[in-house]
């Protein structure tokens, strides 16, 4: 059941990040969920490196959305068509 919640919360985080960042991006449910999950993991690692979170504590919703926004911007920079 933990994986189901992870995917659903990842989708919500990814969808919020897609609303914040203008333009195209991953549009399927699965890619949006992966975007949110990767953003949350990135925010957790960054928060632990800075000292905001203790080891084993995940990032909150706001930090996860910010992490997903950064991941989405990086995705757009890498996948940009010339």
PDB file of N, CA and C in Angstrom:
ATOM      1  N   UNK A   1       0.824  -1.192   0.000  1.00  0.00           N
ATOM      2  CA  UNK A   1       0.000   0.000   0.000  1.00  0.00           C
ATOM      3  C   UNK A   1       0.868   1.255   0.000  1.00  0.00           C
ATOM      4  N   UNK A   2       2.080   1.149   0.551  1.00  0.00           N
ATOM      5  CA  UNK A   2       2.989   2.292   0.594  1.00  0.00           C
ATOM      6  C   UNK A   2       3.302   2.794  -0.807  1.00  0.00           C
ATOM      7  N   UNK A   3       3.494   1.885  -1.768  1.00  0.00           N
ATOM      8  CA  UNK A   3       3.817   2.285  -3.136  1.00  0.00           C
ATOM      9  C   UNK A   3       2.666   3.024  -3.795  1.00  0.00           C
ATOM     10  N   UNK A   4       1.448   2.634  -3.492  1.00  0.00           N
ATOM     11  CA  UNK A   4       0.283   3.321  -4.067  1.00  0.00           C
ATOM     12  C   UNK A   4       0.241   4.768  -3.589  1.00  0.00           C
ATOM     13  N   UNK A   5       0.454   4.984  -2.297  1.00  0.00           N
ATOM     14  CA  UNK A   5       0.472   6.347  -1.772  1.00  0.00           C
ATOM     15  C   UNK A   5       1.630   7.145  -2.341  1.00  0.00           C
ATOM     16  N   UNK A   6       2.776   6.518  -2.491  1.00  0.00           N
ATOM     17  CA  UNK A   6       3.932   7.202  -3.067  1.00  0.00           C
ATOM     18  C   UNK A   6       3.626   7.669  -4.481  1.00  0.00           C
ATOM     19  N   UNK A   7       3.001   6.822  -5.277  1.00  0.00           N
ATOM     20  CA  UNK A   7       2.664   7.182  -6.657  1.00  0.00           C
ATOM     21  C   UNK A   7       1.609   8.284  -6.682  1.00  0.00           C
ATOM     22  N   UNK A   8       0.579   8.179  -5.855  1.00  0.00           N
ATOM     23  CA  UNK A   8      -0.479   9.198  -5.849  1.00  0.00           C
ATOM     24  C   UNK A   8       0.042  10.554  -5.371  1.00  0.00           C
ATOM     25  N   UNK A   9       0.825  10.569  -4.306  1.00  0.00           N
ATOM     26  CA  UNK A   9       1.377  11.828  -3.814  1.00  0.00           C
ATOM     27  C   UNK A   9       2.384  12.383  -4.820  1.00  0.00           C
ATOM     28  N   UNK A  10       3.165  11.508  -5.451  1.00  0.00           N
ATOM     29  CA  UNK A  10       4.077  11.941  -6.504  1.00  0.00           C
ATOM     30  C   UNK A  10       3.334  12.579  -7.656  1.00  0.00           C
ATOM     31  N   UNK A  11       2.181  12.025  -8.014  1.00  0.00           N
ATOM     32  CA  UNK A  11       1.374  12.617  -9.083  1.00  0.00           C
ATOM     33  C   UNK A  11       0.886  14.010  -8.693  1.00  0.00           C
ATOM     34  N   UNK A  12       0.418  14.167  -7.468  1.00  0.00           N
ATOM     35  CA  UNK A  12      -0.060  15.483  -7.017  1.00  0.00           C
ATOM     36  C   UNK A  12       1.082  16.496  -7.039  1.00  0.00           C
ATOM     37  N   UNK A  13       2.241  16.099  -6.532  1.00  0.00           N
ATOM     38  CA  UNK A  13       3.401  16.994  -6.521  1.00  0.00           C
ATOM     39  C   UNK A  13       3.820  17.339  -7.950  1.00  0.00           C
ATOM     40  N   UNK A  14       3.861  16.341  -8.827  1.00  0.00           N
ATOM     41  CA  UNK A  14       4.223  16.578 -10.223  1.00  0.00           C
ATOM     42  C   UNK A  14       3.215  17.470 -10.931  1.00  0.00           C
ATOM     43  N   UNK A  15       1.941  17.272 -10.647  1.00  0.00           N
ATOM     44  CA  UNK A  15       0.907  18.107 -11.262  1.00  0.00           C
ATOM     45  C   UNK A  15       1.024  19.558 -10.788  1.00  0.00           C
ATOM     46  N   UNK A  16       1.305  19.763  -9.508  1.00  0.00           N
ATOM     47  CA  UNK A  16       1.496  21.126  -9.006  1.00  0.00           C
ATOM     48  C   UNK A  16       2.717  21.779  -9.651  1.00  0.00           C
ATOM     49  N   UNK A  17       3.778  21.014  -9.834  1.00  0.00           N
ATOM     50  CA  UNK A  17       4.972  21.554 -10.490  1.00  0.00           C
ATOM     51  C   UNK A  17       4.676  21.918 -11.938  1.00  0.00           C
ATOM     52  N   UNK A  18       3.893  21.110 -12.627  1.00  0.00           N
ATOM     53  CA  UNK A  18       3.531  21.413 -14.011  1.00  0.00           C
ATOM     54  C   UNK A  18       2.644  22.636 -14.099  1.00  0.00           C
ATOM     55  N   UNK A  19       1.845  22.904 -13.071  1.00  0.00           N
ATOM     56  CA  UNK A  19       1.034  24.123 -13.052  1.00  0.00           C
ATOM     57  C   UNK A  19       1.898  25.363 -12.840  1.00  0.00           C
ATOM     58  N   UNK A  20       2.974  25.226 -12.081  1.00  0.00           N
ATOM     59  CA  UNK A  20       3.844  26.365 -11.764  1.00  0.00           C
ATOM     60  C   UNK A  20       4.744  26.716 -12.942  1.00  0.00           C
ATOM     61  N   UNK A  21       5.311  25.701 -13.594  1.00  0.00           N
ATOM     62  CA  UNK A  21       6.253  25.923 -14.699  1.00  0.00           C
ATOM     63  C   UNK A  21       5.461  25.989 -16.003  1.00  0.00           C
ATOM     64  N   UNK A  22       5.572  27.097 -16.737  1.00  0.00           N
ATOM     65  CA  UNK A  22       4.812  27.210 -17.992  1.00  0.00           C
ATOM     66  C   UNK A  22       5.404  26.347 -19.098  1.00  0.00           C
ATOM     67  N   UNK A  23       4.595  26.046 -20.083  1.00  0.00           N
ATOM     68  CA  UNK A  23       5.065  25.295 -21.246  1.00  0.00           C
ATOM     69  C   UNK A  23       4.797  23.817 -21.115  1.00  0.00           C
ATOM     70  N   UNK A  24       5.296  23.083 -22.086  1.00  0.00           N
ATOM     71  CA  UNK A  24       5.079  21.646 -22.130  1.00  0.00           C
ATOM     72  C   UNK A  24       5.954  20.903 -21.139  1.00  0.00           C
ATOM     73  N   UNK A  25       5.733  19.648 -21.088  1.00  0.00           N
ATOM     74  CA  UNK A  25       6.484  18.778 -20.198  1.00  0.00           C
ATOM     75  C   UNK A  25       5.887  17.398 -20.278  1.00  0.00           C
ATOM     76  N   UNK A  26       6.293  16.517 -19.407  1.00  0.00           N
ATOM     77  CA  UNK A  26       5.714  15.171 -19.430  1.00  0.00           C
ATOM     78  C   UNK A  26       4.219  15.245 -19.159  1.00  0.00           C
ATOM     79  N   UNK A  27       3.419  14.593 -20.008  1.00  0.00           N
ATOM     80  CA  UNK A  27       1.974  14.752 -19.893  1.00  0.00           C
ATOM     81  C   UNK A  27       1.234  13.517 -19.392  1.00  0.00           C
ATOM     82  N   UNK A  28       1.856  12.367 -19.392  1.00  0.00           N
ATOM     83  CA  UNK A  28       1.138  11.173 -18.953  1.00  0.00           C
ATOM     84  C   UNK A  28       1.087  11.108 -17.425  1.00  0.00           C
ATOM     85  N   UNK A  29       0.174  10.311 -16.925  1.00  0.00           N
ATOM     86  CA  UNK A  29       0.044  10.127 -15.478  1.00  0.00           C
ATOM     87  C   UNK A  29       1.350   9.623 -14.891  1.00  0.00           C
ATOM     88  N   UNK A  30       1.947   8.624 -15.537  1.00  0.00           N
ATOM     89  CA  UNK A  30       3.141   7.995 -14.992  1.00  0.00           C
ATOM     90  C   UNK A  30       4.331   8.939 -14.992  1.00  0.00           C
ATOM     91  N   UNK A  31       4.519   9.704 -16.064  1.00  0.00           N
ATOM     92  CA  UNK A  31       5.640  10.644 -16.106  1.00  0.00           C
ATOM     93  C   UNK A  31       5.452  11.776 -15.098  1.00  0.00           C
ATOM     94  N   UNK A  32       4.217  12.209 -14.909  1.00  0.00           N
ATOM     95  CA  UNK A  32       3.946  13.240 -13.911  1.00  0.00           C
ATOM     96  C   UNK A  32       4.213  12.705 -12.512  1.00  0.00           C
ATOM     97  N   UNK A  33       3.819  11.460 -12.255  1.00  0.00           N
ATOM     98  CA  UNK A  33       4.089  10.848 -10.948  1.00  0.00           C
ATOM     99  C   UNK A  33       5.581  10.682 -10.718  1.00  0.00           C
ATOM    100  N   UNK A  34       6.310  10.254 -11.744  1.00  0.00           N
ATOM    101  CA  UNK A  34       7.765  10.105 -11.614  1.00  0.00           C
ATOM    102  C   UNK A  34       8.405  11.468 -11.366  1.00  0.00           C
ATOM    103  N   UNK A  35       7.934  12.502 -12.055  1.00  0.00           N
ATOM    104  CA  UNK A  35       8.431  13.860 -11.828  1.00  0.00           C
ATOM    105  C   UNK A  35       8.259  14.257 -10.366  1.00  0.00           C
ATOM    106  N   UNK A  36       7.105  14.007  -9.801  1.00  0.00           N
ATOM    107  CA  UNK A  36       6.859  14.339  -8.400  1.00  0.00           C
ATOM    108  C   UNK A  36       7.706  13.530  -7.441  1.00  0.00           C
ATOM    109  N   UNK A  37       7.869  12.250  -7.719  1.00  0.00           N
ATOM    110  CA  UNK A  37       8.666  11.389  -6.843  1.00  0.00           C
ATOM    111  C   UNK A  37      10.133  11.806  -6.889  1.00  0.00           C
ATOM    112  N   UNK A  38      10.659  12.041  -8.090  1.00  0.00           N
ATOM    113  CA  UNK A  38      12.054  12.472  -8.228  1.00  0.00           C
ATOM    114  C   UNK A  38      12.261  13.827  -7.565  1.00  0.00           C
ATOM    115  N   UNK A  39      11.298  14.729  -7.709  1.00  0.00           N
ATOM    116  CA  UNK A  39      11.394  16.039  -7.056  1.00  0.00           C
ATOM    117  C   UNK A  39      11.407  15.923  -5.539  1.00  0.00           C
ATOM    118  N   UNK A  40      10.592  15.030  -5.000  1.00  0.00           N
ATOM    119  CA  UNK A  40      10.567  14.829  -3.552  1.00  0.00           C
ATOM    120  C   UNK A  40      11.873  14.229  -3.052  1.00  0.00           C
ATOM    121  N   UNK A  41      12.416  13.273  -3.802  1.00  0.00           N
ATOM    122  CA  UNK A  41      13.692  12.669  -3.413  1.00  0.00           C
ATOM    123  C   UNK A  41      14.807  13.709  -3.479  1.00  0.00           C
ATOM    124  N   UNK A  42      14.818  14.516  -4.536  1.00  0.00           N
ATOM    125  CA  UNK A  42      15.836  15.562  -4.668  1.00  0.00           C
ATOM    126  C   UNK A  42      15.723  16.576  -3.531  1.00  0.00           C
ATOM    127  N   UNK A  43      14.506  16.966  -3.185  1.00  0.00           N
ATOM    128  CA  UNK A  43      14.316  17.910  -2.085  1.00  0.00           C
ATOM    129  C   UNK A  43      14.740  17.307  -0.753  1.00  0.00           C
ATOM    130  N   UNK A  44      14.503  16.020  -0.569  1.00  0.00           N
ATOM    131  CA  UNK A  44      14.914  15.351   0.664  1.00  0.00           C
ATOM    132  C   UNK A  44      16.431  15.343   0.791  1.00  0.00           C
ATOM    133  N   UNK A  45      17.120  14.948  -0.284  1.00  0.00           N
ATOM    134  CA  UNK A  45      18.584  14.922  -0.241  1.00  0.00           C
ATOM    135  C   UNK A  45      19.158  16.315  -0.046  1.00  0.00           C
ATOM    136  N   UNK A  46      18.604  17.305  -0.751  1.00  0.00           N
ATOM    137  CA  UNK A  46      19.096  18.677  -0.609  1.00  0.00           C
ATOM    138  C   UNK A  46      18.838  19.197   0.802  1.00  0.00           C
ATOM    139  N   UNK A  47      17.669  18.926   1.336  1.00  0.00           N
ATOM    140  CA  UNK A  47      17.345  19.362   2.697  1.00  0.00           C
ATOM    141  C   UNK A  47      18.226  18.709   3.744  1.00  0.00           C
ATOM    142  N   UNK A  48      18.573  17.440   3.551  1.00  0.00           N
ATOM    143  CA  UNK A  48      19.469  16.761   4.483  1.00  0.00           C
ATOM    144  C   UNK A  48      20.890  17.306   4.367  1.00  0.00           C
ATOM    145  N   UNK A  49      21.310  17.650   3.147  1.00  0.00           N
ATOM    146  CA  UNK A  49      22.655  18.199   2.949  1.00  0.00           C
ATOM    147  C   UNK A  49      22.785  19.580   3.591  1.00  0.00           C
ATOM    148  N   UNK A  50      21.716  20.360   3.528  1.00  0.00           N
ATOM    149  CA  UNK A  50      21.735  21.702   4.115  1.00  0.00           C
ATOM    150  C   UNK A  50      21.549  21.636   5.626  1.00  0.00           C
ATOM    151  N   UNK A  51      20.898  20.592   6.094  1.00  0.00           N
ATOM    152  CA  UNK A  51      20.662  20.438   7.521  1.00  0.00           C
ATOM    153  C   UNK A  51      19.236  20.753   7.945  1.00  0.00           C
ATOM    154  N   UNK A  52      18.347  20.891   6.957  1.00  0.00           N
ATOM    155  CA  UNK A  52      16.949  21.174   7.281  1.00  0.00           C
ATOM    156  C   UNK A  52      16.211  19.931   7.775  1.00  0.00           C
ATOM    157  N   UNK A  53      16.599  18.760   7.260  1.00  0.00           N
ATOM    158  CA  UNK A  53      15.932  17.516   7.627  1.00  0.00           C
ATOM    159  C   UNK A  53      16.952  16.565   8.227  1.00  0.00           C
ATOM    160  N   UNK A  54      16.521  15.817   9.215  1.00  0.00           N
ATOM    161  CA  UNK A  54      17.374  14.780   9.785  1.00  0.00           C
ATOM    162  C   UNK A  54      17.368  13.573   8.841  1.00  0.00           C
ATOM    163  N   UNK A  55      18.370  12.743   8.963  1.00  0.00           N
ATOM    164  CA  UNK A  55      18.440  11.543   8.132  1.00  0.00           C
ATOM    165  C   UNK A  55      17.219  10.675   8.414  1.00  0.00           C
ATOM    166  N   UNK A  56      16.566  10.247   7.357  1.00  0.00           N
ATOM    167  CA  UNK A  56      15.375   9.418   7.495  1.00  0.00           C
ATOM    168  C   UNK A  56      14.075  10.198   7.488  1.00  0.00           C
ATOM    169  N   UNK A  57      14.140  11.523   7.505  1.00  0.00           N
ATOM    170  CA  UNK A  57      12.938  12.340   7.457  1.00  0.00           C
ATOM    171  C   UNK A  57      12.734  12.855   6.041  1.00  0.00           C
ATOM    172  N   UNK A  58      11.551  12.659   5.464  1.00  0.00           N
ATOM    173  CA  UNK A  58      11.313  13.109   4.090  1.00  0.00           C
ATOM    174  C   UNK A  58      11.011  14.611   4.034  1.00  0.00           C
ATOM    175  N   UNK A  59      11.125  15.155   2.850  1.00  0.00           N
ATOM    176  CA  UNK A  59      10.780  16.560   2.634  1.00  0.00           C
ATOM    177  C   UNK A  59       9.272  16.726   2.719  1.00  0.00           C
ATOM    178  N   UNK A  60       8.839  17.923   3.042  1.00  0.00           N
ATOM    179  CA  UNK A  60       7.415  18.222   3.096  1.00  0.00           C
ATOM    180  C   UNK A  60       6.857  18.491   1.711  1.00  0.00           C
ATOM    181  N   UNK A  61       5.582  18.827   1.653  1.00  0.00           N
ATOM    182  CA  UNK A  61       4.902  19.041   0.380  1.00  0.00           C
ATOM    183  C   UNK A  61       5.490  20.232  -0.372  1.00  0.00           C
ATOM    184  N   UNK A  62       5.711  21.340   0.302  1.00  0.00           N
ATOM    185  CA  UNK A  62       6.215  22.543  -0.364  1.00  0.00           C
ATOM    186  C   UNK A  62       7.613  22.290  -0.920  1.00  0.00           C
ATOM    187  N   UNK A  63       8.490  21.697  -0.129  1.00  0.00           N
ATOM    188  CA  UNK A  63       9.846  21.394  -0.601  1.00  0.00           C
ATOM    189  C   UNK A  63       9.807  20.383  -1.742  1.00  0.00           C
ATOM    190  N   UNK A  64       8.903  19.432  -1.679  1.00  0.00           N
ATOM    191  CA  UNK A  64       8.784  18.450  -2.751  1.00  0.00           C
ATOM    192  C   UNK A  64       8.349  19.106  -4.056  1.00  0.00           C
ATOM    193  N   UNK A  65       7.405  20.023  -3.965  1.00  0.00           N
ATOM    194  CA  UNK A  65       6.963  20.745  -5.167  1.00  0.00           C
ATOM    195  C   UNK A  65       8.109  21.585  -5.718  1.00  0.00           C
ATOM    196  N   UNK A  66       8.858  22.256  -4.847  1.00  0.00           N
ATOM    197  CA  UNK A  66      10.002  23.041  -5.317  1.00  0.00           C
ATOM    198  C   UNK A  66      11.055  22.137  -5.967  1.00  0.00           C
ATOM    199  N   UNK A  67      11.291  20.971  -5.394  1.00  0.00           N
ATOM    200  CA  UNK A  67      12.211  20.020  -6.002  1.00  0.00           C
ATOM    201  C   UNK A  67      11.723  19.558  -7.362  1.00  0.00           C
ATOM    202  N   UNK A  68      10.421  19.314  -7.488  1.00  0.00           N
ATOM    203  CA  UNK A  68       9.852  18.896  -8.768  1.00  0.00           C
ATOM    204  C   UNK A  68       9.929  20.020  -9.797  1.00  0.00           C
ATOM    205  N   UNK A  69       9.777  21.269  -9.356  1.00  0.00           N
ATOM    206  CA  UNK A  69       9.912  22.407 -10.259  1.00  0.00           C
ATOM    207  C   UNK A  69      11.330  22.462 -10.813  1.00  0.00           C
ATOM    208  N   UNK A  70      12.321  22.273  -9.954  1.00  0.00           N
ATOM    209  CA  UNK A  70      13.719  22.278 -10.395  1.00  0.00           C
ATOM    210  C   UNK A  70      13.960  21.126 -11.370  1.00  0.00           C
ATOM    211  N   UNK A  71      13.465  19.946 -11.057  1.00  0.00           N
ATOM    212  CA  UNK A  71      13.640  18.792 -11.950  1.00  0.00           C
ATOM    213  C   UNK A  71      12.960  19.052 -13.289  1.00  0.00           C
ATOM    214  N   UNK A  72      11.777  19.658 -13.283  1.00  0.00           N
ATOM    215  CA  UNK A  72      11.058  19.946 -14.525  1.00  0.00           C
ATOM    216  C   UNK A  72      11.805  20.985 -15.366  1.00  0.00           C
ATOM    217  N   UNK A  73      12.364  21.989 -14.730  1.00  0.00           N
ATOM    218  CA  UNK A  73      13.152  22.984 -15.467  1.00  0.00           C
ATOM    219  C   UNK A  73      14.386  22.326 -16.085  1.00  0.00           C
ATOM    220  N   UNK A  74      15.061  21.473 -15.328  1.00  0.00           N
ATOM    221  CA  UNK A  74      16.216  20.757 -15.871  1.00  0.00           C
ATOM    222  C   UNK A  74      15.801  19.847 -17.029  1.00  0.00           C
ATOM    223  N   UNK A  75      14.662  19.192 -16.896  1.00  0.00           N
ATOM    224  CA  UNK A  75      14.141  18.344 -17.965  1.00  0.00           C
ATOM    225  C   UNK A  75      13.919  19.163 -19.231  1.00  0.00           C
ATOM    226  N   UNK A  76      13.328  20.341 -19.087  1.00  0.00           N
ATOM    227  CA  UNK A  76      13.058  21.190 -20.250  1.00  0.00           C
ATOM    228  C   UNK A  76      14.354  21.692 -20.880  1.00  0.00           C
ATOM    229  N   UNK A  77      15.357  21.974 -20.081  1.00  0.00           N
ATOM    230  CA  UNK A  77      16.641  22.414 -20.623  1.00  0.00           C
ATOM    231  C   UNK A  77      17.329  21.304 -21.403  1.00  0.00           C
ATOM    232  N   UNK A  78      17.253  20.083 -20.902  1.00  0.00           N
ATOM    233  CA  UNK A  78      17.898  18.952 -21.555  1.00  0.00           C
ATOM    234  C   UNK A  78      17.149  18.538 -22.813  1.00  0.00           C
ATOM    235  N   UNK A  79      15.832  18.550 -22.767  1.00  0.00           N
ATOM    236  CA  UNK A  79      15.019  18.068 -23.880  1.00  0.00           C
ATOM    237  C   UNK A  79      14.642  19.170 -24.870  1.00  0.00           C
ATOM    238  N   UNK A  80      15.232  20.335 -24.723  1.00  0.00           N
ATOM    239  CA  UNK A  80      14.889  21.458 -25.606  1.00  0.00           C
ATOM    240  C   UNK A  80      15.266  21.121 -27.044  1.00  0.00           C
ATOM    241  N   UNK A  81      14.331  21.395 -27.952  1.00  0.00           N
ATOM    242  CA  UNK A  81      14.587  21.159 -29.365  1.00  0.00           C
ATOM    243  C   UNK A  81      15.073  22.458 -29.994  1.00  0.00           C
ATOM    244  N   UNK A  82      16.059  22.355 -30.824  1.00  0.00           N
ATOM    245  CA  UNK A  82      16.642  23.556 -31.446  1.00  0.00           C
ATOM    246  C   UNK A  82      16.148  23.706 -32.844  1.00  0.00           C
TER     247      UNK A  82
END
